[in-house]
Amino acid sequence: MARRGAQEMAKRARERARQKRQEAKRERRQSASADAADPTDAPDEAGLMEEFRVLSERHAAGLLAGDLYTKERHRIFVELGIESEEAD
């Protein structure tokens, strides 16, 4: 009977160790997924810079009014994180 108790204790210890390993693995996966930025959340920097280039060229050519240029430039810069929402 003592032998059976020792076997059960060893089995419980193995089970606890297995659960701890699973928990550690789960935490590593969660931290890795949190560290990896979701590319869909980030602004399309190349696309926004291209949009700004075209906007600037149109403004320089006189095809775009100054106030519209300023408004669109601000919108692009806010999306890129260069300016804050409040700045005008």
C-alpha atoms as a PDB file:
ATOM      1  CA  MET A   1       0.000   0.000   0.000  1.00  0.00           C
ATOM      2  CA  ALA A   2       2.863   2.368   0.721  1.00  0.00           C
ATOM      3  CA  ARG A   3       4.201   1.609  -2.717  1.00  0.00           C
ATOM      4  CA  ARG A   4       0.932   2.633  -4.314  1.00  0.00           C
ATOM      5  CA  GLY A   5       0.961   5.952  -2.441  1.00  0.00           C
ATOM      6  CA  ALA A   6       4.468   6.698  -3.665  1.00  0.00           C
ATOM      7  CA  GLN A   7       3.466   5.904  -7.247  1.00  0.00           C
ATOM      8  CA  GLU A   8       0.483   8.236  -6.998  1.00  0.00           C
ATOM      9  CA  MET A   9       2.630  11.026  -5.566  1.00  0.00           C
ATOM     10  CA  ALA A  10       5.157  10.578  -8.372  1.00  0.00           C
ATOM     11  CA  LYS A  11       2.343  10.616 -10.918  1.00  0.00           C
ATOM     12  CA  ARG A  12       0.947  13.858  -9.450  1.00  0.00           C
ATOM     13  CA  ALA A  13       4.417  15.419  -9.489  1.00  0.00           C
ATOM     14  CA  ARG A  14       4.849  14.481 -13.158  1.00  0.00           C
ATOM     15  CA  GLU A  15       1.417  15.935 -13.934  1.00  0.00           C
ATOM     16  CA  ARG A  16       2.255  19.216 -12.151  1.00  0.00           C
ATOM     17  CA  ALA A  17       5.559  19.434 -14.027  1.00  0.00           C
ATOM     18  CA  ARG A  18       3.749  18.814 -17.330  1.00  0.00           C
ATOM     19  CA  GLN A  19       1.203  21.511 -16.529  1.00  0.00           C
ATOM     20  CA  LYS A  20       3.981  23.987 -15.647  1.00  0.00           C
ATOM     21  CA  ARG A  21       5.734  23.280 -18.957  1.00  0.00           C
ATOM     22  CA  GLN A  22       2.460  23.795 -20.836  1.00  0.00           C
ATOM     23  CA  GLU A  23       1.840  27.079 -19.007  1.00  0.00           C
ATOM     24  CA  ALA A  24       5.372  28.309 -19.766  1.00  0.00           C
ATOM     25  CA  LYS A  25       4.933  27.393 -23.428  1.00  0.00           C
ATOM     26  CA  ARG A  26       1.556  29.175 -23.533  1.00  0.00           C
ATOM     27  CA  GLU A  27       3.084  32.325 -22.010  1.00  0.00           C
ATOM     28  CA  ARG A  28       5.973  32.283 -24.502  1.00  0.00           C
ATOM     29  CA  ARG A  29       3.529  31.991 -27.388  1.00  0.00           C
ATOM     30  CA  GLN A  30       1.375  34.831 -26.078  1.00  0.00           C
ATOM     31  CA  SER A  31       4.342  37.133 -25.514  1.00  0.00           C
ATOM     32  CA  ALA A  32       5.726  36.289 -28.956  1.00  0.00           C
ATOM     33  CA  SER A  33       2.402  37.050 -30.611  1.00  0.00           C
ATOM     34  CA  ALA A  34       2.104  40.292 -28.645  1.00  0.00           C
ATOM     35  CA  ASP A  35       5.626  41.306 -29.694  1.00  0.00           C
ATOM     36  CA  ALA A  36       4.989  40.630 -33.360  1.00  0.00           C
ATOM     37  CA  ALA A  37       3.237  43.678 -34.701  1.00  0.00           C
ATOM     38  CA  ASP A  38       0.252  43.026 -36.883  1.00  0.00           C
ATOM     39  CA  PRO A  39       1.143  44.457 -40.290  1.00  0.00           C
ATOM     40  CA  THR A  40      -2.488  45.330 -40.976  1.00  0.00           C
ATOM     41  CA  ASP A  41      -2.445  47.721 -38.011  1.00  0.00           C
ATOM     42  CA  ALA A  42       0.560  49.682 -39.280  1.00  0.00           C
ATOM     43  CA  PRO A  43      -0.037  52.407 -41.845  1.00  0.00           C
ATOM     44  CA  ASP A  44       1.121  51.733 -45.385  1.00  0.00           C
ATOM     45  CA  GLU A  45       4.131  54.015 -45.161  1.00  0.00           C
ATOM     46  CA  ALA A  46       5.218  53.586 -48.769  1.00  0.00           C
ATOM     47  CA  GLY A  47       1.701  54.226 -50.032  1.00  0.00           C
ATOM     48  CA  LEU A  48       1.288  57.310 -47.876  1.00  0.00           C
ATOM     49  CA  MET A  49       4.659  58.688 -48.939  1.00  0.00           C
ATOM     50  CA  GLU A  50       3.707  58.151 -52.587  1.00  0.00           C
ATOM     51  CA  GLU A  51       0.403  59.926 -51.965  1.00  0.00           C
ATOM     52  CA  PHE A  52       2.296  62.817 -50.384  1.00  0.00           C
ATOM     53  CA  ARG A  53       4.721  62.957 -53.331  1.00  0.00           C
ATOM     54  CA  VAL A  54       1.861  63.209 -55.832  1.00  0.00           C
ATOM     55  CA  LEU A  55       0.088  65.758 -53.636  1.00  0.00           C
ATOM     56  CA  SER A  56       3.227  67.905 -53.428  1.00  0.00           C
ATOM     57  CA  GLU A  57       3.827  67.712 -57.168  1.00  0.00           C
ATOM     58  CA  ARG A  58       0.252  68.765 -57.907  1.00  0.00           C
ATOM     59  CA  HIS A  59       0.551  71.655 -55.441  1.00  0.00           C
ATOM     60  CA  ALA A  60       3.897  72.762 -56.928  1.00  0.00           C
ATOM     61  CA  ALA A  61       2.364  72.669 -60.413  1.00  0.00           C
ATOM     62  CA  GLY A  62      -0.471  74.917 -59.235  1.00  0.00           C
ATOM     63  CA  LEU A  63      -3.132  72.249 -59.702  1.00  0.00           C
ATOM     64  CA  LEU A  64      -4.086  72.147 -56.030  1.00  0.00           C
ATOM     65  CA  ALA A  65      -5.266  74.964 -53.752  1.00  0.00           C
ATOM     66  CA  GLY A  66      -3.101  75.782 -50.730  1.00  0.00           C
ATOM     67  CA  ASP A  67      -5.759  75.030 -48.109  1.00  0.00           C
ATOM     68  CA  LEU A  68      -6.581  71.637 -49.660  1.00  0.00           C
ATOM     69  CA  TYR A  69      -2.856  70.838 -49.861  1.00  0.00           C
ATOM     70  CA  THR A  70      -2.384  71.722 -46.192  1.00  0.00           C
ATOM     71  CA  LYS A  71      -5.407  69.668 -45.134  1.00  0.00           C
ATOM     72  CA  GLU A  72      -4.357  66.572 -47.091  1.00  0.00           C
ATOM     73  CA  ARG A  73      -0.715  66.943 -46.030  1.00  0.00           C
ATOM     74  CA  HIS A  74      -1.807  67.047 -42.393  1.00  0.00           C
ATOM     75  CA  ARG A  75      -3.994  63.946 -42.845  1.00  0.00           C
ATOM     76  CA  ILE A  76      -1.113  61.998 -44.370  1.00  0.00           C
ATOM     77  CA  PHE A  77       1.336  63.138 -41.680  1.00  0.00           C
ATOM     78  CA  VAL A  78      -1.103  62.148 -38.926  1.00  0.00           C
ATOM     79  CA  GLU A  79      -1.446  58.662 -40.429  1.00  0.00           C
ATOM     80  CA  LEU A  80       2.343  58.386 -40.614  1.00  0.00           C
ATOM     81  CA  GLY A  81       2.656  59.548 -37.003  1.00  0.00           C
ATOM     82  CA  ILE A  82       4.664  62.644 -37.912  1.00  0.00           C
ATOM     83  CA  GLU A  83       2.065  65.126 -36.659  1.00  0.00           C
ATOM     84  CA  SER A  84      -0.576  64.946 -33.972  1.00  0.00           C
ATOM     85  CA  GLU A  85      -4.321  65.236 -34.600  1.00  0.00           C
ATOM     86  CA  GLU A  86      -4.427  68.687 -32.979  1.00  0.00           C
ATOM     87  CA  ALA A  87      -1.753  70.307 -35.141  1.00  0.00           C
ATOM     88  CA  ASP A  88      -3.039  72.305 -38.097  1.00  0.00           C
END
